[in-house]
Amino acid sequence: MPDAAIITCALTGVLTDPRVHPVPVTPAELAASAREAWEAGAVCMHVHFRQQGDGRGHLPSWDPALAVEVADAIREVCPGVILNFTTGVVGRDQSGPIACLRAGRPEIAACNAGSLNYLKTRADGGWAWPPMLFDNPVEKVAEIVGVMAETGTKPEFECFDTGIVRSVGMYVEAGMVTAPQVNFVMGVASGMPADPELLPLLLKYRPEGCPWQATVIGRAEVWALHRRAAELGGHLRSGLEDTFYLPDGSRARGNGHLVAALASVAREAGRPVASAAEARVLWGLA
């Protein structure tokens, strides 16, 4: 079991338009997509919540009643599943994520561990969107981590650059958190690139003994990094939040296809795919 790879499925993401891409939005859609991913080998579901009805499914929601409805729907069709709620918001007001954590009480929640200039340029040199700061100062991180301690939720620190990875170690030293999970987010244009050669260096700077995984954003390049993560002993994540493309370059029809491909990557690296019960032990949730 220590060599087993835990697979997380990132079901839908923040703003992806369901009128353009096959992302699930409603509780029923999220549950059905989670079930496909579960059958393919994912035992943890990373969940974002979307506004419901009237074509608003491309916008986020922080309605705690919706969070509970989604959580209950996924748990019903995936017995023993581990839920991982998003908590990321721009700005200091975290009342929405806090309300969802307290209502849904997930086993894990993603926690943005530091600030990032969130940028992307077009081919003509113009900005793909207005430059923005994804601000996560220490007091904001401490607040959300404190609520996670209250709800029995393990933080998964999302790290977009090497300085943020090192900051997680300082959070541990300062007593803000004990034995968090570390998630190397790679492929965001203004963050760490999806470069397999970078991954071994990042491991030098994560807090000793912390479980880790890589979230890889992009197209064909994501799969080489998934393979390297599997070889180095990391846990694995994919889903329609992160990519729409399978290893052969074709578009995935749903989360189940991406998870099946990721499970094959794990096995090719000599790693069995963890069951939900094994994942709970490996992640200290049991």
C-alpha atoms as a PDB file:
ATOM      1  CA  MET A   1       0.000   0.000   0.000  1.00  0.00           C
ATOM      2  CA  PRO A   2       2.746   2.617   0.648  1.00  0.00           C
ATOM      3  CA  ASP A   3       3.477   2.635  -3.103  1.00  0.00           C
ATOM      4  CA  ALA A   4      -0.185   3.025  -4.058  1.00  0.00           C
ATOM      5  CA  ALA A   5      -1.121   6.132  -6.023  1.00  0.00           C
ATOM      6  CA  ILE A   6      -4.200   8.040  -4.881  1.00  0.00           C
ATOM      7  CA  ILE A   7      -6.144   9.516  -7.785  1.00  0.00           C
ATOM      8  CA  THR A   8      -8.125  12.725  -7.408  1.00  0.00           C
ATOM      9  CA  CYS A   9     -10.604  13.876 -10.028  1.00  0.00           C
ATOM     10  CA  ALA A  10     -11.092  17.648 -10.432  1.00  0.00           C
ATOM     11  CA  LEU A  11     -14.649  17.490 -11.663  1.00  0.00           C
ATOM     12  CA  THR A  12     -15.500  20.911 -13.068  1.00  0.00           C
ATOM     13  CA  GLY A  13     -13.355  23.931 -12.178  1.00  0.00           C
ATOM     14  CA  VAL A  14     -14.129  27.587 -11.591  1.00  0.00           C
ATOM     15  CA  LEU A  15     -15.360  29.304 -14.741  1.00  0.00           C
ATOM     16  CA  THR A  16     -15.352  26.766 -17.588  1.00  0.00           C
ATOM     17  CA  ASP A  17     -18.490  27.371 -19.639  1.00  0.00           C
ATOM     18  CA  PRO A  18     -20.692  24.245 -19.813  1.00  0.00           C
ATOM     19  CA  ARG A  19     -22.181  25.559 -23.067  1.00  0.00           C
ATOM     20  CA  VAL A  20     -18.747  25.107 -24.662  1.00  0.00           C
ATOM     21  CA  HIS A  21     -17.108  22.271 -22.703  1.00  0.00           C
ATOM     22  CA  PRO A  22     -18.543  19.058 -21.181  1.00  0.00           C
ATOM     23  CA  VAL A  23     -18.219  20.114 -17.534  1.00  0.00           C
ATOM     24  CA  PRO A  24     -20.815  19.020 -14.957  1.00  0.00           C
ATOM     25  CA  VAL A  25     -22.699  21.787 -13.134  1.00  0.00           C
ATOM     26  CA  THR A  26     -25.827  20.516 -11.385  1.00  0.00           C
ATOM     27  CA  PRO A  27     -25.681  18.189  -8.360  1.00  0.00           C
ATOM     28  CA  ALA A  28     -26.988  15.336 -10.521  1.00  0.00           C
ATOM     29  CA  GLU A  29     -24.402  15.999 -13.234  1.00  0.00           C
ATOM     30  CA  LEU A  30     -21.575  16.237 -10.694  1.00  0.00           C
ATOM     31  CA  ALA A  31     -22.667  12.974  -9.070  1.00  0.00           C
ATOM     32  CA  ALA A  32     -22.885  11.166 -12.413  1.00  0.00           C
ATOM     33  CA  SER A  33     -19.464  12.447 -13.461  1.00  0.00           C
ATOM     34  CA  ALA A  34     -17.994  11.533 -10.080  1.00  0.00           C
ATOM     35  CA  ARG A  35     -19.370   8.017 -10.459  1.00  0.00           C
ATOM     36  CA  GLU A  36     -17.644   7.665 -13.848  1.00  0.00           C
ATOM     37  CA  ALA A  37     -14.392   8.850 -12.324  1.00  0.00           C
ATOM     38  CA  TRP A  38     -14.874   6.560  -9.303  1.00  0.00           C
ATOM     39  CA  GLU A  39     -15.339   3.522 -11.544  1.00  0.00           C
ATOM     40  CA  ALA A  40     -12.153   4.479 -13.419  1.00  0.00           C
ATOM     41  CA  GLY A  41     -10.076   4.683 -10.214  1.00  0.00           C
ATOM     42  CA  ALA A  42     -10.523   8.116  -8.605  1.00  0.00           C
ATOM     43  CA  VAL A  43     -11.269   7.955  -4.875  1.00  0.00           C
ATOM     44  CA  CYS A  44     -11.117  11.691  -4.130  1.00  0.00           C
ATOM     45  CA  MET A  45     -13.305  14.306  -5.841  1.00  0.00           C
ATOM     46  CA  HIS A  46     -12.198  17.950  -5.936  1.00  0.00           C
ATOM     47  CA  VAL A  47     -15.389  19.981  -6.120  1.00  0.00           C
ATOM     48  CA  HIS A  48     -16.261  23.502  -7.219  1.00  0.00           C
ATOM     49  CA  PHE A  49     -19.824  24.739  -6.924  1.00  0.00           C
ATOM     50  CA  ARG A  50     -21.600  26.585  -9.741  1.00  0.00           C
ATOM     51  CA  GLN A  51     -24.612  28.855  -9.875  1.00  0.00           C
ATOM     52  CA  GLN A  52     -27.677  26.911 -10.928  1.00  0.00           C
ATOM     53  CA  GLY A  53     -30.248  27.690 -13.642  1.00  0.00           C
ATOM     54  CA  ASP A  54     -30.749  30.386 -16.274  1.00  0.00           C
ATOM     55  CA  GLY A  55     -27.472  29.680 -18.060  1.00  0.00           C
ATOM     56  CA  ARG A  56     -25.348  30.762 -15.074  1.00  0.00           C
ATOM     57  CA  GLY A  57     -23.421  27.492 -14.733  1.00  0.00           C
ATOM     58  CA  HIS A  58     -20.138  29.161 -15.732  1.00  0.00           C
ATOM     59  CA  LEU A  59     -20.179  31.244 -12.541  1.00  0.00           C
ATOM     60  CA  PRO A  60     -19.115  30.069  -9.060  1.00  0.00           C
ATOM     61  CA  SER A  61     -21.485  29.700  -6.134  1.00  0.00           C
ATOM     62  CA  TRP A  62     -20.811  29.736  -2.383  1.00  0.00           C
ATOM     63  CA  ASP A  63     -24.296  28.636  -1.360  1.00  0.00           C
ATOM     64  CA  PRO A  64     -23.787  26.215   1.576  1.00  0.00           C
ATOM     65  CA  ALA A  65     -27.094  24.464   0.828  1.00  0.00           C
ATOM     66  CA  LEU A  66     -25.822  23.727  -2.682  1.00  0.00           C
ATOM     67  CA  ALA A  67     -22.521  22.469  -1.266  1.00  0.00           C
ATOM     68  CA  VAL A  68     -24.394  20.012   0.946  1.00  0.00           C
ATOM     69  CA  GLU A  69     -26.620  18.910  -1.938  1.00  0.00           C
ATOM     70  CA  VAL A  70     -23.597  18.265  -4.149  1.00  0.00           C
ATOM     71  CA  ALA A  71     -21.687  16.481  -1.372  1.00  0.00           C
ATOM     72  CA  ASP A  72     -24.651  14.249  -0.526  1.00  0.00           C
ATOM     73  CA  ALA A  73     -25.243  13.400  -4.192  1.00  0.00           C
ATOM     74  CA  ILE A  74     -21.611  12.374  -4.734  1.00  0.00           C
ATOM     75  CA  ARG A  75     -21.390  10.406  -1.498  1.00  0.00           C
ATOM     76  CA  GLU A  76     -24.547   8.495  -2.384  1.00  0.00           C
ATOM     77  CA  VAL A  77     -23.180   7.176  -5.689  1.00  0.00           C
ATOM     78  CA  CYS A  78     -19.546   6.806  -4.536  1.00  0.00           C
ATOM     79  CA  PRO A  79     -19.684   5.061  -1.126  1.00  0.00           C
ATOM     80  CA  GLY A  80     -16.553   5.886   0.875  1.00  0.00           C
ATOM     81  CA  VAL A  81     -15.443   8.701  -1.437  1.00  0.00           C
ATOM     82  CA  ILE A  82     -13.141  11.428  -0.114  1.00  0.00           C
ATOM     83  CA  LEU A  83     -14.404  14.929  -0.826  1.00  0.00           C
ATOM     84  CA  ASN A  84     -12.094  17.888  -1.426  1.00  0.00           C
ATOM     85  CA  PHE A  85     -13.818  21.294  -1.489  1.00  0.00           C
ATOM     86  CA  THR A  86     -12.395  24.361  -3.178  1.00  0.00           C
ATOM     87  CA  THR A  87     -11.944  27.468  -0.993  1.00  0.00           C
ATOM     88  CA  GLY A  88     -10.214  29.904  -3.341  1.00  0.00           C
ATOM     89  CA  VAL A  89     -11.564  33.449  -3.627  1.00  0.00           C
ATOM     90  CA  VAL A  90     -10.048  36.735  -4.745  1.00  0.00           C
ATOM     91  CA  GLY A  91     -10.141  39.277  -1.926  1.00  0.00           C
ATOM     92  CA  ARG A  92     -10.240  39.029   1.817  1.00  0.00           C
ATOM     93  CA  ASP A  93     -13.865  37.921   2.288  1.00  0.00           C
ATOM     94  CA  GLN A  94     -13.907  34.139   2.791  1.00  0.00           C
ATOM     95  CA  SER A  95     -17.398  33.927   4.279  1.00  0.00           C
ATOM     96  CA  GLY A  96     -18.655  31.847   1.329  1.00  0.00           C
ATOM     97  CA  PRO A  97     -15.971  29.143   1.468  1.00  0.00           C
ATOM     98  CA  ILE A  98     -16.205  29.098   5.270  1.00  0.00           C
ATOM     99  CA  ALA A  99     -19.968  28.555   5.133  1.00  0.00           C
ATOM    100  CA  CYS A 100     -19.512  25.694   2.641  1.00  0.00           C
ATOM    101  CA  LEU A 101     -16.836  24.047   4.794  1.00  0.00           C
ATOM    102  CA  ARG A 102     -19.010  24.202   7.895  1.00  0.00           C
ATOM    103  CA  ALA A 103     -22.051  22.881   6.047  1.00  0.00           C
ATOM    104  CA  GLY A 104     -20.417  20.139   3.963  1.00  0.00           C
ATOM    105  CA  ARG A 105     -17.530  19.146   6.296  1.00  0.00           C
ATOM    106  CA  PRO A 106     -15.304  17.618   3.597  1.00  0.00           C
ATOM    107  CA  GLU A 107     -12.364  15.434   4.515  1.00  0.00           C
ATOM    108  CA  ILE A 108      -9.974  17.695   2.556  1.00  0.00           C
ATOM    109  CA  ALA A 109     -10.113  21.245   1.266  1.00  0.00           C
ATOM    110  CA  ALA A 110      -7.815  23.035  -1.150  1.00  0.00           C
ATOM    111  CA  CYS A 111      -6.082  26.041   0.389  1.00  0.00           C
ATOM    112  CA  ASN A 112      -4.203  28.577  -1.709  1.00  0.00           C
ATOM    113  CA  ALA A 113      -0.918  28.935   0.132  1.00  0.00           C
ATOM    114  CA  GLY A 114       0.297  32.237  -1.322  1.00  0.00           C
ATOM    115  CA  SER A 115      -0.389  35.088  -3.722  1.00  0.00           C
ATOM    116  CA  LEU A 116       0.101  34.998  -7.482  1.00  0.00           C
ATOM    117  CA  ASN A 117      -0.083  37.544 -10.296  1.00  0.00           C
ATOM    118  CA  TYR A 118      -2.561  35.623 -12.432  1.00  0.00           C
ATOM    119  CA  LEU A 119      -1.579  36.457 -16.003  1.00  0.00           C
ATOM    120  CA  LYS A 120      -1.819  35.130 -19.533  1.00  0.00           C
ATOM    121  CA  THR A 121      -0.997  36.693 -22.894  1.00  0.00           C
ATOM    122  CA  ARG A 122      -2.496  36.080 -26.327  1.00  0.00           C
ATOM    123  CA  ALA A 123      -0.463  35.304 -29.443  1.00  0.00           C
ATOM    124  CA  ASP A 124      -0.613  38.992 -30.424  1.00  0.00           C
ATOM    125  CA  GLY A 125       0.910  40.045 -27.093  1.00  0.00           C
ATOM    126  CA  GLY A 126      -2.301  41.330 -25.569  1.00  0.00           C
ATOM    127  CA  TRP A 127      -3.611  40.153 -22.219  1.00  0.00           C
ATOM    128  CA  ALA A 128      -5.951  37.159 -22.327  1.00  0.00           C
ATOM    129  CA  TRP A 129      -7.768  38.789 -19.400  1.00  0.00           C
ATOM    130  CA  PRO A 130      -7.071  41.916 -17.332  1.00  0.00           C
ATOM    131  CA  PRO A 131      -4.033  41.231 -15.096  1.00  0.00           C
ATOM    132  CA  MET A 132      -5.183  40.292 -11.625  1.00  0.00           C
ATOM    133  CA  LEU A 133      -3.676  39.460  -8.249  1.00  0.00           C
ATOM    134  CA  PHE A 134      -4.848  36.213  -6.660  1.00  0.00           C
ATOM    135  CA  ASP A 135      -4.213  37.462  -3.147  1.00  0.00           C
ATOM    136  CA  ASN A 136      -3.635  35.031  -0.304  1.00  0.00           C
ATOM    137  CA  PRO A 137      -1.865  36.813   2.567  1.00  0.00           C
ATOM    138  CA  VAL A 138      -0.917  34.899   5.694  1.00  0.00           C
ATOM    139  CA  GLU A 139      -3.879  36.135   7.753  1.00  0.00           C
ATOM    140  CA  LYS A 140      -6.270  34.888   5.052  1.00  0.00           C
ATOM    141  CA  VAL A 141      -4.566  31.478   4.965  1.00  0.00           C
ATOM    142  CA  ALA A 142      -4.624  31.285   8.775  1.00  0.00           C
ATOM    143  CA  GLU A 143      -8.349  32.047   8.872  1.00  0.00           C
ATOM    144  CA  ILE A 144      -9.366  29.308   6.442  1.00  0.00           C
ATOM    145  CA  VAL A 145      -6.977  26.786   8.029  1.00  0.00           C
ATOM    146  CA  GLY A 146      -8.514  27.569  11.412  1.00  0.00           C
ATOM    147  CA  VAL A 147     -11.975  26.756  10.083  1.00  0.00           C
ATOM    148  CA  MET A 148     -10.628  23.508   8.603  1.00  0.00           C
ATOM    149  CA  ALA A 149      -9.366  22.535  12.058  1.00  0.00           C
ATOM    150  CA  GLU A 150     -12.866  23.191  13.384  1.00  0.00           C
ATOM    151  CA  THR A 151     -14.549  21.012  10.719  1.00  0.00           C
ATOM    152  CA  GLY A 152     -12.007  18.166  10.800  1.00  0.00           C
ATOM    153  CA  THR A 153     -10.815  18.994   7.284  1.00  0.00           C
ATOM    154  CA  LYS A 154      -7.199  18.429   6.172  1.00  0.00           C
ATOM    155  CA  PRO A 155      -5.666  21.336   4.250  1.00  0.00           C
ATOM    156  CA  GLU A 156      -4.270  20.654   0.804  1.00  0.00           C
ATOM    157  CA  PHE A 157      -1.972  23.590   0.099  1.00  0.00           C
ATOM    158  CA  GLU A 158      -2.028  24.600  -3.554  1.00  0.00           C
ATOM    159  CA  CYS A 159       1.421  25.932  -4.509  1.00  0.00           C
ATOM    160  CA  PHE A 160       1.775  27.890  -7.752  1.00  0.00           C
ATOM    161  CA  ASP A 161       5.483  28.667  -7.393  1.00  0.00           C
ATOM    162  CA  THR A 162       8.552  27.599  -5.426  1.00  0.00           C
ATOM    163  CA  GLY A 163       8.277  30.427  -2.910  1.00  0.00           C
ATOM    164  CA  ILE A 164       4.794  29.251  -2.030  1.00  0.00           C
ATOM    165  CA  VAL A 165       6.102  25.704  -1.534  1.00  0.00           C
ATOM    166  CA  ARG A 166       8.661  27.076   0.926  1.00  0.00           C
ATOM    167  CA  SER A 167       5.955  29.115   2.665  1.00  0.00           C
ATOM    168  CA  VAL A 168       4.080  25.909   3.504  1.00  0.00           C
ATOM    169  CA  GLY A 169       7.127  24.798   5.481  1.00  0.00           C
ATOM    170  CA  MET A 170       6.970  28.065   7.403  1.00  0.00           C
ATOM    171  CA  TYR A 171       3.280  27.535   8.165  1.00  0.00           C
ATOM    172  CA  VAL A 172       4.260  24.224   9.732  1.00  0.00           C
ATOM    173  CA  GLU A 173       7.137  25.802  11.682  1.00  0.00           C
ATOM    174  CA  ALA A 174       4.846  28.593  12.928  1.00  0.00           C
ATOM    175  CA  GLY A 175       2.306  26.067  14.201  1.00  0.00           C
ATOM    176  CA  MET A 176      -0.458  27.121  11.806  1.00  0.00           C
ATOM    177  CA  VAL A 177      -0.906  23.543  10.589  1.00  0.00           C
ATOM    178  CA  THR A 178       0.399  20.018  11.132  1.00  0.00           C
ATOM    179  CA  ALA A 179       1.157  17.502   8.349  1.00  0.00           C
ATOM    180  CA  PRO A 180      -0.673  19.244   5.500  1.00  0.00           C
ATOM    181  CA  GLN A 181      -0.846  17.936   1.964  1.00  0.00           C
ATOM    182  CA  VAL A 182       1.117  19.731  -0.746  1.00  0.00           C
ATOM    183  CA  ASN A 183      -0.211  20.191  -4.268  1.00  0.00           C
ATOM    184  CA  PHE A 184       2.235  21.462  -6.897  1.00  0.00           C
ATOM    185  CA  VAL A 185       0.065  23.400  -9.363  1.00  0.00           C
ATOM    186  CA  MET A 186       1.958  23.466 -12.648  1.00  0.00           C
ATOM    187  CA  GLY A 187       1.057  24.838 -16.054  1.00  0.00           C
ATOM    188  CA  VAL A 188      -0.582  28.144 -15.081  1.00  0.00           C
ATOM    189  CA  ALA A 189       1.017  30.700 -17.416  1.00  0.00           C
ATOM    190  CA  SER A 190       2.368  32.972 -14.639  1.00  0.00           C
ATOM    191  CA  GLY A 191       3.176  30.144 -12.239  1.00  0.00           C
ATOM    192  CA  MET A 192       5.371  27.062 -12.373  1.00  0.00           C
ATOM    193  CA  PRO A 193       5.585  25.507 -15.850  1.00  0.00           C
ATOM    194  CA  ALA A 194       4.440  21.978 -16.582  1.00  0.00           C
ATOM    195  CA  ASP A 195       8.055  20.825 -16.757  1.00  0.00           C
ATOM    196  CA  PRO A 196       8.933  17.303 -15.574  1.00  0.00           C
ATOM    197  CA  GLU A 197      12.522  18.438 -14.842  1.00  0.00           C
ATOM    198  CA  LEU A 198      11.243  20.899 -12.233  1.00  0.00           C
ATOM    199  CA  LEU A 199       9.381  18.323 -10.156  1.00  0.00           C
ATOM    200  CA  PRO A 200      12.389  16.695  -8.398  1.00  0.00           C
ATOM    201  CA  LEU A 201      13.613  20.148  -7.349  1.00  0.00           C
ATOM    202  CA  LEU A 202      10.257  21.023  -5.813  1.00  0.00           C
ATOM    203  CA  LEU A 203      10.383  17.898  -3.674  1.00  0.00           C
ATOM    204  CA  LYS A 204      13.513  19.280  -1.962  1.00  0.00           C
ATOM    205  CA  TYR A 205      11.491  22.179  -0.567  1.00  0.00           C
ATOM    206  CA  ARG A 206       8.243  20.592   0.560  1.00  0.00           C
ATOM    207  CA  PRO A 207       7.911  19.986   4.315  1.00  0.00           C
ATOM    208  CA  GLU A 208       9.368  16.612   5.186  1.00  0.00           C
ATOM    209  CA  GLY A 209       6.834  13.804   5.305  1.00  0.00           C
ATOM    210  CA  CYS A 210       3.960  15.735   3.729  1.00  0.00           C
ATOM    211  CA  PRO A 211       1.978  13.796   1.104  1.00  0.00           C
ATOM    212  CA  TRP A 212       2.137  15.458  -2.301  1.00  0.00           C
ATOM    213  CA  GLN A 213       0.548  15.470  -5.689  1.00  0.00           C
ATOM    214  CA  ALA A 214       0.789  17.474  -8.895  1.00  0.00           C
ATOM    215  CA  THR A 215      -2.041  19.368 -10.543  1.00  0.00           C
ATOM    216  CA  VAL A 216      -1.097  19.891 -14.168  1.00  0.00           C
ATOM    217  CA  ILE A 217      -2.875  22.442 -16.363  1.00  0.00           C
ATOM    218  CA  GLY A 218      -2.596  22.287 -20.143  1.00  0.00           C
ATOM    219  CA  ARG A 219      -2.834  19.976 -23.132  1.00  0.00           C
ATOM    220  CA  ALA A 220      -0.443  17.283 -24.353  1.00  0.00           C
ATOM    221  CA  GLU A 221       2.347  18.434 -22.021  1.00  0.00           C
ATOM    222  CA  VAL A 222       0.443  17.407 -18.903  1.00  0.00           C
ATOM    223  CA  TRP A 223       0.923  13.691 -19.423  1.00  0.00           C
ATOM    224  CA  ALA A 224       4.731  13.676 -19.308  1.00  0.00           C
ATOM    225  CA  LEU A 225       4.540  15.431 -15.950  1.00  0.00           C
ATOM    226  CA  HIS A 226       1.911  12.988 -14.650  1.00  0.00           C
ATOM    227  CA  ARG A 227       4.284  10.147 -15.559  1.00  0.00           C
ATOM    228  CA  ARG A 228       7.152  11.814 -13.710  1.00  0.00           C
ATOM    229  CA  ALA A 229       4.973  12.402 -10.654  1.00  0.00           C
ATOM    230  CA  ALA A 230       4.009   8.732 -10.648  1.00  0.00           C
ATOM    231  CA  GLU A 231       7.662   7.682 -10.928  1.00  0.00           C
ATOM    232  CA  LEU A 232       8.672   9.936  -8.034  1.00  0.00           C
ATOM    233  CA  GLY A 233       5.976   8.596  -5.699  1.00  0.00           C
ATOM    234  CA  GLY A 234       3.455  11.420  -5.899  1.00  0.00           C
ATOM    235  CA  HIS A 235      -0.283  11.119  -5.945  1.00  0.00           C
ATOM    236  CA  LEU A 236      -2.117  12.016  -9.117  1.00  0.00           C
ATOM    237  CA  ARG A 237      -4.901  14.353 -10.182  1.00  0.00           C
ATOM    238  CA  SER A 238      -6.708  15.072 -13.424  1.00  0.00           C
ATOM    239  CA  GLY A 239     -10.167  16.055 -14.580  1.00  0.00           C
ATOM    240  CA  LEU A 240     -11.997  18.547 -16.731  1.00  0.00           C
ATOM    241  CA  GLU A 241     -10.877  21.389 -14.471  1.00  0.00           C
ATOM    242  CA  ASP A 242      -7.266  20.760 -15.530  1.00  0.00           C
ATOM    243  CA  THR A 243      -7.348  19.521 -19.132  1.00  0.00           C
ATOM    244  CA  PHE A 244      -9.686  18.415 -21.901  1.00  0.00           C
ATOM    245  CA  TYR A 245      -7.073  16.271 -23.646  1.00  0.00           C
ATOM    246  CA  LEU A 246      -6.114  12.612 -23.422  1.00  0.00           C
ATOM    247  CA  PRO A 247      -2.542  11.327 -23.930  1.00  0.00           C
ATOM    248  CA  ASP A 248      -3.162  10.725 -27.650  1.00  0.00           C
ATOM    249  CA  GLY A 249      -4.257  14.340 -28.121  1.00  0.00           C
ATOM    250  CA  SER A 250      -7.938  13.569 -28.538  1.00  0.00           C
ATOM    251  CA  ARG A 251     -10.534  15.423 -26.476  1.00  0.00           C
ATOM    252  CA  ALA A 252     -11.885  13.655 -23.419  1.00  0.00           C
ATOM    253  CA  ARG A 253     -15.638  13.104 -23.418  1.00  0.00           C
ATOM    254  CA  GLY A 254     -15.778  13.218 -19.640  1.00  0.00           C
ATOM    255  CA  ASN A 255     -13.917  12.826 -16.369  1.00  0.00           C
ATOM    256  CA  GLY A 256     -13.979   9.046 -16.517  1.00  0.00           C
ATOM    257  CA  HIS A 257     -11.772   9.002 -19.609  1.00  0.00           C
ATOM    258  CA  LEU A 258      -9.160  11.264 -18.008  1.00  0.00           C
ATOM    259  CA  VAL A 259      -9.077   9.233 -14.799  1.00  0.00           C
ATOM    260  CA  ALA A 260      -8.769   5.961 -16.728  1.00  0.00           C
ATOM    261  CA  ALA A 261      -5.750   7.393 -18.566  1.00  0.00           C
ATOM    262  CA  LEU A 262      -4.240   8.560 -15.268  1.00  0.00           C
ATOM    263  CA  ALA A 263      -4.738   5.123 -13.706  1.00  0.00           C
ATOM    264  CA  SER A 264      -2.835   3.641 -16.647  1.00  0.00           C
ATOM    265  CA  VAL A 265       0.010   6.098 -16.007  1.00  0.00           C
ATOM    266  CA  ALA A 266       0.189   4.930 -12.381  1.00  0.00           C
ATOM    267  CA  ARG A 267       0.257   1.263 -13.303  1.00  0.00           C
ATOM    268  CA  GLU A 268       2.882   1.809 -16.012  1.00  0.00           C
ATOM    269  CA  ALA A 269       5.079   3.333 -13.292  1.00  0.00           C
ATOM    270  CA  GLY A 270       4.625   0.190 -11.184  1.00  0.00           C
ATOM    271  CA  ARG A 271       2.161   1.827  -8.784  1.00  0.00           C
ATOM    272  CA  PRO A 272      -1.162   0.234  -7.875  1.00  0.00           C
ATOM    273  CA  VAL A 273      -4.169   2.548  -7.709  1.00  0.00           C
ATOM    274  CA  ALA A 274      -5.272   3.107  -4.112  1.00  0.00           C
ATOM    275  CA  SER A 275      -8.734   2.210  -2.928  1.00  0.00           C
ATOM    276  CA  ALA A 276     -10.683   4.749  -0.907  1.00  0.00           C
ATOM    277  CA  ALA A 277      -9.889   2.870   2.301  1.00  0.00           C
ATOM    278  CA  GLU A 278      -6.172   2.786   1.463  1.00  0.00           C
ATOM    279  CA  ALA A 279      -6.222   6.483   0.583  1.00  0.00           C
ATOM    280  CA  ARG A 280      -7.711   7.345   3.966  1.00  0.00           C
ATOM    281  CA  VAL A 281      -4.817   5.564   5.696  1.00  0.00           C
ATOM    282  CA  LEU A 282      -2.144   7.078   3.439  1.00  0.00           C
ATOM    283  CA  TRP A 283      -3.550  10.582   3.936  1.00  0.00           C
ATOM    284  CA  GLY A 284      -4.109  10.183   7.665  1.00  0.00           C
ATOM    285  CA  LEU A 285      -7.889  10.412   7.387  1.00  0.00           C
ATOM    286  CA  ALA A 286      -8.725   6.988   8.816  1.00  0.00           C
END
